[in-house]
PDB file of N, CA and C in Angstrom:
ATOM      1  N   MET A   1      81.958  96.892 140.345  1.00  0.00           N
ATOM      2  CA  MET A   1      82.106  97.980 139.164  1.00  0.00           C
ATOM      3  C   MET A   1      81.875  97.485 138.370  1.00  0.00           C
ATOM      4  N   CYS A   2      80.766  98.197 137.482  1.00  0.00           N
ATOM      5  CA  CYS A   2      80.564  97.582 135.599  1.00  0.00           C
ATOM      6  C   CYS A   2      81.942  98.205 134.984  1.00  0.00           C
ATOM      7  N   ALA A   3      82.157  97.575 134.003  1.00  0.00           N
ATOM      8  CA  ALA A   3      83.114  98.018 132.807  1.00  0.00           C
ATOM      9  C   ALA A   3      82.959  99.582 132.542  1.00  0.00           C
ATOM     10  N   ARG A   4      81.570  99.517 131.878  1.00  0.00           N
ATOM     11  CA  ARG A   4      81.384 101.111 131.884  1.00  0.00           C
ATOM     12  C   ARG A   4      81.811 102.413 133.134  1.00  0.00           C
ATOM     13  N   GLY A   5      81.214 101.729 134.267  1.00  0.00           N
ATOM     14  CA  GLY A   5      81.536 102.724 135.432  1.00  0.00           C
ATOM     15  C   GLY A   5      83.305 102.953 135.565  1.00  0.00           C
ATOM     16  N   TYR A   6      84.066 101.543 135.089  1.00  0.00           N
ATOM     17  CA  TYR A   6      85.453 101.554 135.857  1.00  0.00           C
ATOM     18  C   TYR A   6      86.051 102.440 134.617  1.00  0.00           C
ATOM     19  N   ILE A   7      85.653 102.793 133.303  1.00  0.00           N
ATOM     20  CA  ILE A   7      86.150 103.488 132.056  1.00  0.00           C
ATOM     21  C   ILE A   7      85.709 104.924 132.420  1.00  0.00           C
ATOM     22  N   ALA A   8      84.223 105.325 133.095  1.00  0.00           N
ATOM     23  CA  ALA A   8      84.426 106.192 133.291  1.00  0.00           C
ATOM     24  C   ALA A   8      84.636 107.162 134.422  1.00  0.00           C
ATOM     25  N   SER A   9      85.287 106.744 135.092  1.00  0.00           N
ATOM     26  CA  SER A   9      85.893 106.745 136.457  1.00  0.00           C
ATOM     27  C   SER A   9      87.212 107.344 136.218  1.00  0.00           C
ATOM     28  N   ILE A  10      87.918 106.180 135.529  1.00  0.00           N
ATOM     29  CA  ILE A  10      89.531 106.478 134.358  1.00  0.00           C
ATOM     30  C   ILE A  10      89.420 107.674 133.721  1.00  0.00           C
ATOM     31  N   MET A  11      88.165 107.943 133.126  1.00  0.00           N
ATOM     32  CA  MET A  11      88.577 109.020 132.230  1.00  0.00           C
ATOM     33  C   MET A  11      88.403 110.045 133.113  1.00  0.00           C
ATOM     34  N   GLN A  12      87.424 110.224 134.028  1.00  0.00           N
ATOM     35  CA  GLN A  12      87.423 111.906 134.627  1.00  0.00           C
ATOM     36  C   GLN A  12      88.429 112.013 135.175  1.00  0.00           C
ATOM     37  N   THR A  13      89.143 110.486 135.608  1.00  0.00           N
ATOM     38  CA  THR A  13      90.201 110.804 136.618  1.00  0.00           C
ATOM     39  C   THR A  13      91.573 111.185 135.300  1.00  0.00           C
ATOM     40  N   LEU A  14      91.611 111.125 134.580  1.00  0.00           N
ATOM     41  CA  LEU A  14      92.744 111.681 133.771  1.00  0.00           C
ATOM     42  C   LEU A  14      92.508 112.918 133.242  1.00  0.00           C
ATOM     43  N   LEU A  15      91.255 113.449 132.696  1.00  0.00           N
ATOM     44  CA  LEU A  15      90.964 114.740 132.321  1.00  0.00           C
ATOM     45  C   LEU A  15      90.162 115.431 133.302  1.00  0.00           C
ATOM     46  N   ASP A  16      90.889 116.268 133.757  1.00  0.00           N
ATOM     47  CA  ASP A  16      90.015 117.265 135.429  1.00  0.00           C
ATOM     48  C   ASP A  16      89.997 118.611 134.368  1.00  0.00           C
ATOM     49  N   HIS A  17      89.778 119.019 133.457  1.00  0.00           N
ATOM     50  CA  HIS A  17      90.108 120.425 132.971  1.00  0.00           C
ATOM     51  C   HIS A  17      89.463 120.276 131.554  1.00  0.00           C
ATOM     52  N   ASP A  18      88.995 121.280 130.545  1.00  0.00           N
ATOM     53  CA  ASP A  18      88.551 121.342 129.272  1.00  0.00           C
ATOM     54  C   ASP A  18      89.776 121.381 128.579  1.00  0.00           C
ATOM     55  N   ILE A  19      89.861 121.132 127.677  1.00  0.00           N
ATOM     56  CA  ILE A  19      90.848 121.086 126.325  1.00  0.00           C
ATOM     57  C   ILE A  19      90.316 122.390 125.472  1.00  0.00           C
ATOM     58  N   VAL A  20      90.935 123.365 125.383  1.00  0.00           N
ATOM     59  CA  VAL A  20      90.304 124.402 124.195  1.00  0.00           C
ATOM     60  C   VAL A  20      91.572 124.323 123.159  1.00  0.00           C
ATOM     61  N   PRO A  21      91.194 125.467 122.296  1.00  0.00           N
ATOM     62  CA  PRO A  21      91.901 125.561 121.243  1.00  0.00           C
ATOM     63  C   PRO A  21      93.210 125.888 121.270  1.00  0.00           C
ATOM     64  N   PRO A  22      94.233 126.132 120.647  1.00  0.00           N
ATOM     65  CA  PRO A  22      94.430 125.411 119.359  1.00  0.00           C
ATOM     66  C   PRO A  22      94.505 123.788 119.582  1.00  0.00           C
ATOM     67  N   LEU A  23      94.316 123.156 120.898  1.00  0.00           N
ATOM     68  CA  LEU A  23      94.382 121.287 121.207  1.00  0.00           C
ATOM     69  C   LEU A  23      92.853 121.164 120.937  1.00  0.00           C
ATOM     70  N   ALA A  24      92.201 121.852 121.151  1.00  0.00           N
ATOM     71  CA  ALA A  24      90.890 121.225 120.527  1.00  0.00           C
ATOM     72  C   ALA A  24      90.380 122.065 119.170  1.00  0.00           C
ATOM     73  N   TRP A  25      90.571 120.907 118.307  1.00  0.00           N
ATOM     74  CA  TRP A  25      90.324 121.371 117.465  1.00  0.00           C
ATOM     75  C   TRP A  25      88.961 120.491 116.175  1.00  0.00           C
ATOM     76  N   THR A  26      88.559 121.199 115.208  1.00  0.00           N
ATOM     77  CA  THR A  26      87.531 119.947 114.145  1.00  0.00           C
ATOM     78  C   THR A  26      88.240 120.027 113.101  1.00  0.00           C
ATOM     79  N   GLY A  27      88.257 119.302 112.112  1.00  0.00           N
ATOM     80  CA  GLY A  27      89.053 119.259 110.599  1.00  0.00           C
ATOM     81  C   GLY A  27      88.777 120.536 109.755  1.00  0.00           C
ATOM     82  N   SER A  28      88.062 120.906 110.144  1.00  0.00           N
ATOM     83  CA  SER A  28      86.853 122.381 109.297  1.00  0.00           C
ATOM     84  C   SER A  28      88.059 123.618 109.944  1.00  0.00           C
ATOM     85  N   ASP A  29      88.123 123.288 111.488  1.00  0.00           N
ATOM     86  CA  ASP A  29      89.405 124.512 112.157  1.00  0.00           C
ATOM     87  C   ASP A  29      90.213 124.728 111.814  1.00  0.00           C
ATOM     88  N   LEU A  30      90.868 123.562 111.468  1.00  0.00           N
ATOM     89  CA  LEU A  30      92.409 123.379 110.680  1.00  0.00           C
ATOM     90  C   LEU A  30      93.026 124.047 109.155  1.00  0.00           C
ATOM     91  N   PRO A  31      93.879 124.782 108.824  1.00  0.00           N
ATOM     92  CA  PRO A  31      94.390 124.977 108.150  1.00  0.00           C
ATOM     93  C   PRO A  31      94.515 124.260 107.037  1.00  0.00           C
ATOM     94  N   GLU A  32      94.630 124.471 106.048  1.00  0.00           N
ATOM     95  CA  GLU A  32      95.165 123.219 104.951  1.00  0.00           C
ATOM     96  C   GLU A  32      96.860 122.553 105.589  1.00  0.00           C
ATOM     97  N   ASN A  33      97.424 123.536 105.868  1.00  0.00           N
ATOM     98  CA  ASN A  33      99.247 122.828 106.214  1.00  0.00           C
ATOM     99  C   ASN A  33      99.066 123.187 107.715  1.00  0.00           C
ATOM    100  N   ALA A  34      97.819 122.708 108.359  1.00  0.00           N
ATOM    101  CA  ALA A  34      98.110 122.692 109.901  1.00  0.00           C
ATOM    102  C   ALA A  34      99.326 121.544 110.202  1.00  0.00           C
ATOM    103  N   GLY A  35     100.201 121.729 111.099  1.00  0.00           N
ATOM    104  CA  GLY A  35     101.141 120.766 111.764  1.00  0.00           C
ATOM    105  C   GLY A  35     102.224 120.487 111.167  1.00  0.00           C
ATOM    106  N   LEU A  36     102.374 121.057 109.508  1.00  0.00           N
ATOM    107  CA  LEU A  36     102.874 120.709 108.701  1.00  0.00           C
ATOM    108  C   LEU A  36     104.642 121.584 108.929  1.00  0.00           C
ATOM    109  N   VAL A  37     105.383 120.579 109.068  1.00  0.00           N
ATOM    110  CA  VAL A  37     106.920 120.995 109.244  1.00  0.00           C
ATOM    111  C   VAL A  37     107.909 120.768 108.173  1.00  0.00           C
ATOM    112  N   ALA A  38     108.662 121.382 107.524  1.00  0.00           N
ATOM    113  CA  ALA A  38     109.066 121.170 106.584  1.00  0.00           C
ATOM    114  C   ALA A  38     110.561 120.955 106.724  1.00  0.00           C
ATOM    115  N   LEU A  39     111.576 120.013 106.473  1.00  0.00           N
ATOM    116  CA  LEU A  39     112.902 120.062 106.491  1.00  0.00           C
ATOM    117  C   LEU A  39     113.137 120.286 105.659  1.00  0.00           C
ATOM    118  N   ASP A  40     114.189 121.560 106.293  1.00  0.00           N
ATOM    119  CA  ASP A  40     114.753 122.844 105.231  1.00  0.00           C
ATOM    120  C   ASP A  40     116.409 121.928 104.957  1.00  0.00           C
ATOM    121  N   PRO A  41     116.846 122.103 103.648  1.00  0.00           N
ATOM    122  CA  PRO A  41     118.714 121.526 103.710  1.00  0.00           C
ATOM    123  C   PRO A  41     119.239 121.823 104.691  1.00  0.00           C
ATOM    124  N   ALA A  42     119.708 122.519 105.514  1.00  0.00           N
ATOM    125  CA  ALA A  42     120.411 122.700 106.707  1.00  0.00           C
ATOM    126  C   ALA A  42     119.994 120.633 107.331  1.00  0.00           C
ATOM    127  N   CYS A  43     119.068 120.636 107.946  1.00  0.00           N
ATOM    128  CA  CYS A  43     118.614 120.038 108.683  1.00  0.00           C
ATOM    129  C   CYS A  43     118.949 118.619 107.743  1.00  0.00           C
ATOM    130  N   GLN A  44     118.232 118.760 106.430  1.00  0.00           N
ATOM    131  CA  GLN A  44     118.405 117.555 105.392  1.00  0.00           C
ATOM    132  C   GLN A  44     119.647 117.243 105.458  1.00  0.00           C
ATOM    133  N   ASP A  45     121.183 118.229 105.063  1.00  0.00           N
ATOM    134  CA  ASP A  45     122.493 117.643 105.098  1.00  0.00           C
ATOM    135  C   ASP A  45     122.896 117.218 106.554  1.00  0.00           C
ATOM    136  N   GLU A  46     122.687 117.849 107.703  1.00  0.00           N
ATOM    137  CA  GLU A  46     122.690 117.029 109.185  1.00  0.00           C
ATOM    138  C   GLU A  46     122.293 115.758 109.036  1.00  0.00           C
ATOM    139  N   LEU A  47     121.406 115.599 108.443  1.00  0.00           N
ATOM    140  CA  LEU A  47     120.700 113.727 108.687  1.00  0.00           C
ATOM    141  C   LEU A  47     121.208 113.211 107.582  1.00  0.00           C
ATOM    142  N   MET A  48     122.157 113.541 106.263  1.00  0.00           N
ATOM    143  CA  MET A  48     123.132 112.648 105.808  1.00  0.00           C
ATOM    144  C   MET A  48     124.521 112.849 106.167  1.00  0.00           C
ATOM    145  N   GLU A  49     125.047 113.694 106.807  1.00  0.00           N
ATOM    146  CA  GLU A  49     125.900 113.292 107.492  1.00  0.00           C
ATOM    147  C   GLU A  49     126.119 112.144 108.529  1.00  0.00           C
ATOM    148  N   LEU A  50     125.419 112.462 109.441  1.00  0.00           N
ATOM    149  CA  LEU A  50     124.682 111.464 110.663  1.00  0.00           C
ATOM    150  C   LEU A  50     124.944 110.120 110.088  1.00  0.00           C
ATOM    151  N   ALA A  51     123.857 109.811 108.784  1.00  0.00           N
ATOM    152  CA  ALA A  51     124.049 109.012 108.502  1.00  0.00           C
ATOM    153  C   ALA A  51     125.284 108.251 107.623  1.00  0.00           C
ATOM    154  N   ALA A  52     125.844 109.097 107.381  1.00  0.00           N
ATOM    155  CA  ALA A  52     126.910 108.779 107.053  1.00  0.00           C
ATOM    156  C   ALA A  52     127.921 108.519 107.630  1.00  0.00           C
ATOM    157  N   LEU A  53     127.859 109.064 109.061  1.00  0.00           N
ATOM    158  CA  LEU A  53     129.258 108.796 110.247  1.00  0.00           C
ATOM    159  C   LEU A  53     128.423 107.835 110.888  1.00  0.00           C
ATOM    160  N   LEU A  54     127.093 107.407 110.983  1.00  0.00           N
ATOM    161  CA  LEU A  54     126.613 105.938 111.577  1.00  0.00           C
ATOM    162  C   LEU A  54     126.706 104.563 110.856  1.00  0.00           C
ATOM    163  N   ALA A  55     127.157 104.868 109.436  1.00  0.00           N
ATOM    164  CA  ALA A  55     127.042 103.750 108.268  1.00  0.00           C
ATOM    165  C   ALA A  55     128.677 102.922 108.991  1.00  0.00           C
ATOM    166  N   ALA A  56     129.721 104.596 108.417  1.00  0.00           N
ATOM    167  CA  ALA A  56     131.027 104.173 108.914  1.00  0.00           C
ATOM    168  C   ALA A  56     131.518 103.769 110.333  1.00  0.00           C
ATOM    169  N   ASN A  57     130.361 104.054 111.621  1.00  0.00           N
ATOM    170  CA  ASN A  57     131.103 103.754 112.204  1.00  0.00           C
ATOM    171  C   ASN A  57     130.010 103.054 113.144  1.00  0.00           C
ATOM    172  N   PRO A  58     129.339 101.554 112.722  1.00  0.00           N
ATOM    173  CA  PRO A  58     128.401 101.160 113.446  1.00  0.00           C
ATOM    174  C   PRO A  58     128.287 100.954 114.757  1.00  0.00           C
ATOM    175  N   LEU A  59     127.142 101.532 115.461  1.00  0.00           N
ATOM    176  CA  LEU A  59     127.334 101.260 116.845  1.00  0.00           C
ATOM    177  C   LEU A  59     125.929 100.719 117.379  1.00  0.00           C
ATOM    178  N   PRO A  60     125.659 100.145 118.190  1.00  0.00           N
ATOM    179  CA  PRO A  60     124.269  99.402 118.896  1.00  0.00           C
ATOM    180  C   PRO A  60     123.437 100.852 118.763  1.00  0.00           C
ATOM    181  N   VAL A  61     122.549 100.422 118.392  1.00  0.00           N
ATOM    182  CA  VAL A  61     121.485 102.032 118.984  1.00  0.00           C
ATOM    183  C   VAL A  61     121.184 102.434 120.481  1.00  0.00           C
ATOM    184  N   LEU A  62     121.541 100.797 121.249  1.00  0.00           N
ATOM    185  CA  LEU A  62     121.046 101.475 122.745  1.00  0.00           C
ATOM    186  C   LEU A  62     122.056 102.643 123.656  1.00  0.00           C
ATOM    187  N   SER A  63     123.526 102.523 122.609  1.00  0.00           N
ATOM    188  CA  SER A  63     124.152 103.088 122.620  1.00  0.00           C
ATOM    189  C   SER A  63     124.129 104.712 122.383  1.00  0.00           C
ATOM    190  N   LEU A  64     123.483 104.596 121.694  1.00  0.00           N
ATOM    191  CA  LEU A  64     123.730 106.295 120.930  1.00  0.00           C
ATOM    192  C   LEU A  64     122.583 107.041 121.833  1.00  0.00           C
ATOM    193  N   ARG A  65     123.111 108.347 122.158  1.00  0.00           N
ATOM    194  CA  ARG A  65     122.085 109.380 123.059  1.00  0.00           C
ATOM    195  C   ARG A  65     122.700 110.468 121.912  1.00  0.00           C
ATOM    196  N   PRO A  66     121.121 111.417 121.761  1.00  0.00           N
ATOM    197  CA  PRO A  66     121.197 112.612 121.171  1.00  0.00           C
ATOM    198  C   PRO A  66     122.241 113.241 121.513  1.00  0.00           C
ATOM    199  N   ASP A  67     122.682 113.470 122.858  1.00  0.00           N
ATOM    200  CA  ASP A  67     123.643 114.515 123.164  1.00  0.00           C
ATOM    201  C   ASP A  67     124.706 114.211 122.533  1.00  0.00           C
ATOM    202  N   ASP A  68     125.449 113.064 121.787  1.00  0.00           N
ATOM    203  CA  ASP A  68     126.713 112.491 121.167  1.00  0.00           C
ATOM    204  C   ASP A  68     126.501 113.363 119.562  1.00  0.00           C
ATOM    205  N   PHE A  69     125.752 114.154 119.499  1.00  0.00           N
ATOM    206  CA  PHE A  69     125.561 114.753 118.108  1.00  0.00           C
ATOM    207  C   PHE A  69     124.842 116.380 118.205  1.00  0.00           C
ATOM    208  N   GLU A  70     125.650 116.947 117.432  1.00  0.00           N
ATOM    209  CA  GLU A  70     125.283 118.543 117.309  1.00  0.00           C
ATOM    210  C   GLU A  70     123.822 118.480 116.448  1.00  0.00           C
ATOM    211  N   LEU A  71     123.985 118.628 115.709  1.00  0.00           N
ATOM    212  CA  LEU A  71     122.737 118.733 114.849  1.00  0.00           C
ATOM    213  C   LEU A  71     121.837 120.070 114.718  1.00  0.00           C
ATOM    214  N   PRO A  72     122.633 121.100 115.164  1.00  0.00           N
ATOM    215  CA  PRO A  72     122.026 122.507 115.312  1.00  0.00           C
ATOM    216  C   PRO A  72     120.267 122.948 114.358  1.00  0.00           C
ATOM    217  N   ALA A  73     120.388 122.349 113.317  1.00  0.00           N
ATOM    218  CA  ALA A  73     119.216 122.498 112.828  1.00  0.00           C
ATOM    219  C   ALA A  73     118.285 121.842 112.741  1.00  0.00           C
ATOM    220  N   CYS A  74     118.869 120.422 112.615  1.00  0.00           N
ATOM    221  CA  CYS A  74     117.588 119.901 113.412  1.00  0.00           C
ATOM    222  C   CYS A  74     116.961 119.802 114.556  1.00  0.00           C
ATOM    223  N   ARG A  75     118.159 120.568 115.899  1.00  0.00           N
ATOM    224  CA  ARG A  75     117.349 120.506 116.771  1.00  0.00           C
ATOM    225  C   ARG A  75     116.647 121.635 116.820  1.00  0.00           C
ATOM    226  N   ALA A  76     116.190 122.716 116.050  1.00  0.00           N
ATOM    227  CA  ALA A  76     115.794 124.209 115.708  1.00  0.00           C
ATOM    228  C   ALA A  76     114.646 123.627 115.306  1.00  0.00           C
ATOM    229  N   LEU A  77     114.664 122.858 114.359  1.00  0.00           N
ATOM    230  CA  LEU A  77     113.277 121.950 113.526  1.00  0.00           C
ATOM    231  C   LEU A  77     112.880 121.014 114.455  1.00  0.00           C
ATOM    232  N   MET A  78     113.041 120.746 115.707  1.00  0.00           N
ATOM    233  CA  MET A  78     112.300 120.046 116.646  1.00  0.00           C
ATOM    234  C   MET A  78     111.855 120.841 117.749  1.00  0.00           C
ATOM    235  N   ALA A  79     112.196 121.893 117.926  1.00  0.00           N
ATOM    236  CA  ALA A  79     111.916 122.931 118.995  1.00  0.00           C
ATOM    237  C   ALA A  79     110.596 123.358 117.823  1.00  0.00           C
ATOM    238  N   ARG A  80     110.920 123.498 116.635  1.00  0.00           N
ATOM    239  CA  ARG A  80     109.185 124.122 116.221  1.00  0.00           C
ATOM    240  C   ARG A  80     107.923 122.805 116.349  1.00  0.00           C
ATOM    241  N   VAL A  81     108.421 121.801 116.054  1.00  0.00           N
ATOM    242  CA  VAL A  81     108.024 120.494 116.386  1.00  0.00           C
ATOM    243  C   VAL A  81     107.451 120.171 117.881  1.00  0.00           C
ATOM    244  N   ALA A  82     107.944 120.847 118.994  1.00  0.00           N
ATOM    245  CA  ALA A  82     107.542 120.694 119.995  1.00  0.00           C
ATOM    246  C   ALA A  82     106.397 121.812 121.118  1.00  0.00           C
ATOM    247  N   ALA A  83     106.958 122.807 119.869  1.00  0.00           N
ATOM    248  CA  ALA A  83     105.971 123.667 119.914  1.00  0.00           C
ATOM    249  C   ALA A  83     104.510 123.542 119.432  1.00  0.00           C
ATOM    250  N   LEU A  84     104.236 123.123 117.854  1.00  0.00           N
ATOM    251  CA  LEU A  84     103.840 122.347 117.749  1.00  0.00           C
ATOM    252  C   LEU A  84     102.614 121.349 118.252  1.00  0.00           C
ATOM    253  N   LEU A  85     103.270 120.554 119.464  1.00  0.00           N
ATOM    254  CA  LEU A  85     102.690 119.430 120.111  1.00  0.00           C
ATOM    255  C   LEU A  85     101.963 120.300 121.346  1.00  0.00           C
ATOM    256  N   ASP A  86     102.743 121.369 121.811  1.00  0.00           N
ATOM    257  CA  ASP A  86     102.635 121.761 123.461  1.00  0.00           C
ATOM    258  C   ASP A  86     101.146 123.011 123.261  1.00  0.00           C
ATOM    259  N   GLN A  87     101.739 123.856 122.355  1.00  0.00           N
ATOM    260  CA  GLN A  87     100.722 125.063 121.664  1.00  0.00           C
ATOM    261  C   GLN A  87     100.279 125.436 120.627  1.00  0.00           C
ATOM    262  N   GLY A  88      99.893 124.158 119.724  1.00  0.00           N
ATOM    263  CA  GLY A  88      99.543 124.174 118.293  1.00  0.00           C
ATOM    264  C   GLY A  88      98.321 123.138 118.469  1.00  0.00           C
ATOM    265  N   PRO A  89      98.477 122.698 117.374  1.00  0.00           N
ATOM    266  CA  PRO A  89      97.247 121.117 117.143  1.00  0.00           C
ATOM    267  C   PRO A  89      97.461 120.186 117.729  1.00  0.00           C
ATOM    268  N   GLY A  90      98.747 120.020 117.995  1.00  0.00           N
ATOM    269  CA  GLY A  90      98.998 118.795 119.213  1.00  0.00           C
ATOM    270  C   GLY A  90      99.579 117.964 118.412  1.00  0.00           C
ATOM    271  N   PHE A  91     100.009 117.701 117.131  1.00  0.00           N
ATOM    272  CA  PHE A  91     100.387 116.992 116.475  1.00  0.00           C
ATOM    273  C   PHE A  91     101.280 117.626 115.758  1.00  0.00           C
ATOM    274  N   ALA A  92     102.191 116.833 114.648  1.00  0.00           N
ATOM    275  CA  ALA A  92     103.044 117.776 113.610  1.00  0.00           C
ATOM    276  C   ALA A  92     103.387 116.408 112.379  1.00  0.00           C
ATOM    277  N   ILE A  93     103.349 116.941 110.783  1.00  0.00           N
ATOM    278  CA  ILE A  93     103.840 116.471 110.118  1.00  0.00           C
ATOM    279  C   ILE A  93     105.249 116.647 109.109  1.00  0.00           C
ATOM    280  N   ILE A  94     105.905 116.019 109.622  1.00  0.00           N
ATOM    281  CA  ILE A  94     107.803 116.376 109.036  1.00  0.00           C
ATOM    282  C   ILE A  94     107.532 116.570 107.539  1.00  0.00           C
ATOM    283  N   ASP A  95     107.934 117.070 107.275  1.00  0.00           N
ATOM    284  CA  ASP A  95     107.855 116.922 105.251  1.00  0.00           C
ATOM    285  C   ASP A  95     108.883 117.079 104.735  1.00  0.00           C
ATOM    286  N   GLY A  96     109.689 116.255 103.578  1.00  0.00           N
ATOM    287  CA  GLY A  96     110.686 116.782 103.243  1.00  0.00           C
ATOM    288  C   GLY A  96     112.162 115.841 103.586  1.00  0.00           C
ATOM    289  N   PHE A  97     111.648 114.805 104.490  1.00  0.00           N
ATOM    290  CA  PHE A  97     113.066 113.689 104.837  1.00  0.00           C
ATOM    291  C   PHE A  97     113.393 113.463 103.976  1.00  0.00           C
ATOM    292  N   PRO A  98     114.685 113.080 103.709  1.00  0.00           N
ATOM    293  CA  PRO A  98     115.528 112.833 102.448  1.00  0.00           C
ATOM    294  C   PRO A  98     115.596 111.391 102.151  1.00  0.00           C
ATOM    295  N   LEU A  99     114.445 110.800 102.152  1.00  0.00           N
ATOM    296  CA  LEU A  99     114.853 109.239 102.259  1.00  0.00           C
ATOM    297  C   LEU A  99     115.504 108.929 101.296  1.00  0.00           C
ATOM    298  N   ALA A 100     115.307 109.393  99.765  1.00  0.00           N
ATOM    299  CA  ALA A 100     115.889 108.814  98.501  1.00  0.00           C
ATOM    300  C   ALA A 100     117.093 108.510  98.872  1.00  0.00           C
ATOM    301  N   ARG A 101     117.783 109.992  99.873  1.00  0.00           N
ATOM    302  CA  ARG A 101     118.830 110.189  99.048  1.00  0.00           C
ATOM    303  C   ARG A 101     119.674 109.447 100.277  1.00  0.00           C
ATOM    304  N   LEU A 102     119.170 108.990 101.835  1.00  0.00           N
ATOM    305  CA  LEU A 102     119.582 108.226 102.377  1.00  0.00           C
ATOM    306  C   LEU A 102     119.371 106.587 101.842  1.00  0.00           C
ATOM    307  N   GLU A 103     118.608 106.521 101.037  1.00  0.00           N
ATOM    308  CA  GLU A 103     118.802 105.087 100.760  1.00  0.00           C
ATOM    309  C   GLU A 103     120.000 105.235  99.726  1.00  0.00           C
ATOM    310  N   ALA A 104     120.150 105.672  98.607  1.00  0.00           N
ATOM    311  CA  ALA A 104     121.193 105.903  98.200  1.00  0.00           C
ATOM    312  C   ALA A 104     122.744 106.054  98.391  1.00  0.00           C
ATOM    313  N   GLY A 105     122.453 106.417  99.664  1.00  0.00           N
ATOM    314  CA  GLY A 105     123.955 107.012 100.572  1.00  0.00           C
ATOM    315  C   GLY A 105     123.788 105.626 101.674  1.00  0.00           C
ATOM    316  N   ILE A 106     123.200 104.868 101.906  1.00  0.00           N
ATOM    317  CA  ILE A 106     123.501 103.711 102.621  1.00  0.00           C
ATOM    318  C   ILE A 106     123.391 102.468 102.277  1.00  0.00           C
ATOM    319  N   THR A 107     122.016 102.500 101.333  1.00  0.00           N
ATOM    320  CA  THR A 107     122.521 101.247 100.279  1.00  0.00           C
ATOM    321  C   THR A 107     122.855 101.154  99.087  1.00  0.00           C
ATOM    322  N   GLY A 108     123.231 102.015  98.650  1.00  0.00           N
ATOM    323  CA  GLY A 108     123.994 101.935  97.639  1.00  0.00           C
ATOM    324  C   GLY A 108     122.759 102.200  96.238  1.00  0.00           C
ATOM    325  N   GLY A 109     121.146 102.547  96.142  1.00  0.00           N
ATOM    326  CA  GLY A 109     120.655 102.989  95.627  1.00  0.00           C
ATOM    327  C   GLY A 109     118.784 102.354  95.880  1.00  0.00           C
ATOM    328  N   PRO A 110     118.228 102.857  95.353  1.00  0.00           N
ATOM    329  CA  PRO A 110     116.550 102.481  96.242  1.00  0.00           C
ATOM    330  C   PRO A 110     116.188 101.461  96.523  1.00  0.00           C
ATOM    331  N   SER A 111     116.735 100.612  95.595  1.00  0.00           N
ATOM    332  CA  SER A 111     116.618  98.548  95.764  1.00  0.00           C
ATOM    333  C   SER A 111     116.925  98.399  97.214  1.00  0.00           C
ATOM    334  N   GLY A 112     117.696  99.034  98.075  1.00  0.00           N
ATOM    335  CA  GLY A 112     117.510  98.597  99.356  1.00  0.00           C
ATOM    336  C   GLY A 112     116.771  99.507 100.061  1.00  0.00           C
ATOM    337  N   GLY A 113     115.945 100.449  99.931  1.00  0.00           N
ATOM    338  CA  GLY A 113     115.368 101.466 101.087  1.00  0.00           C
ATOM    339  C   GLY A 113     114.451 100.715 101.669  1.00  0.00           C
ATOM    340  N   ALA A 114     114.035  99.350 101.515  1.00  0.00           N
ATOM    341  CA  ALA A 114     113.473  98.290 102.578  1.00  0.00           C
ATOM    342  C   ALA A 114     113.600  98.142 103.588  1.00  0.00           C
ATOM    343  N   LYS A 115     114.804  98.126 103.506  1.00  0.00           N
ATOM    344  CA  LYS A 115     115.945  97.787 104.612  1.00  0.00           C
ATOM    345  C   LYS A 115     115.824  98.428 105.937  1.00  0.00           C
ATOM    346  N   LEU A 116     116.047  99.779 105.307  1.00  0.00           N
ATOM    347  CA  LEU A 116     116.051 101.127 106.708  1.00  0.00           C
ATOM    348  C   LEU A 116     114.686 100.838 107.403  1.00  0.00           C
ATOM    349  N   GLY A 117     115.116 100.756 108.735  1.00  0.00           N
ATOM    350  CA  GLY A 117     114.753 100.951 109.788  1.00  0.00           C
ATOM    351  C   GLY A 117     113.534  99.350 110.315  1.00  0.00           C
ATOM    352  N   ARG A 118     114.202  98.314 109.408  1.00  0.00           N
ATOM    353  CA  ARG A 118     113.713  96.802 110.152  1.00  0.00           C
ATOM    354  C   ARG A 118     114.864  96.488 110.918  1.00  0.00           C
ATOM    355  N   GLN A 119     114.939  95.692 111.955  1.00  0.00           N
ATOM    356  CA  GLN A 119     115.289  94.851 112.599  1.00  0.00           C
ATOM    357  C   GLN A 119     115.982  93.840 112.203  1.00  0.00           C
ATOM    358  N   ASP A 120     115.332  92.847 111.259  1.00  0.00           N
ATOM    359  CA  ASP A 120     115.945  91.868 110.642  1.00  0.00           C
ATOM    360  C   ASP A 120     117.027  92.407 109.799  1.00  0.00           C
ATOM    361  N   ALA A 121     117.107  93.793 108.907  1.00  0.00           N
ATOM    362  CA  ALA A 121     117.724  93.880 107.786  1.00  0.00           C
ATOM    363  C   ALA A 121     119.240  94.632 108.443  1.00  0.00           C
ATOM    364  N   LEU A 122     119.716  94.251 110.041  1.00  0.00           N
ATOM    365  CA  LEU A 122     120.760  94.552 110.401  1.00  0.00           C
ATOM    366  C   LEU A 122     121.548  93.748 110.454  1.00  0.00           C
TER     367      LEU A 122
END
């Protein structure tokens, strides 16, 4: 079987039904704020509290589990994100992540922000 035939057979296997709206869309079908989810102040506060807790009690990332932390506002937000992924346009844009506040709280100022999320900064 040639590569084109192999790819075609995989695509037929992977997709055995039509994709219909709202998961099927073109850019002109979407409203300007499609998939946009804003972090509310309660969720931002939870993230700040969690960042402070983890900064004061550093643990290996692999030892952390979602159920170790309550985070009710963030869990509610993520339920909305899941609904957008499953029943909405299939994507989510999370706006309002308190990166500047996290940088100031964790690194002592904005200059250390480049270290957030980098393995070599640990």
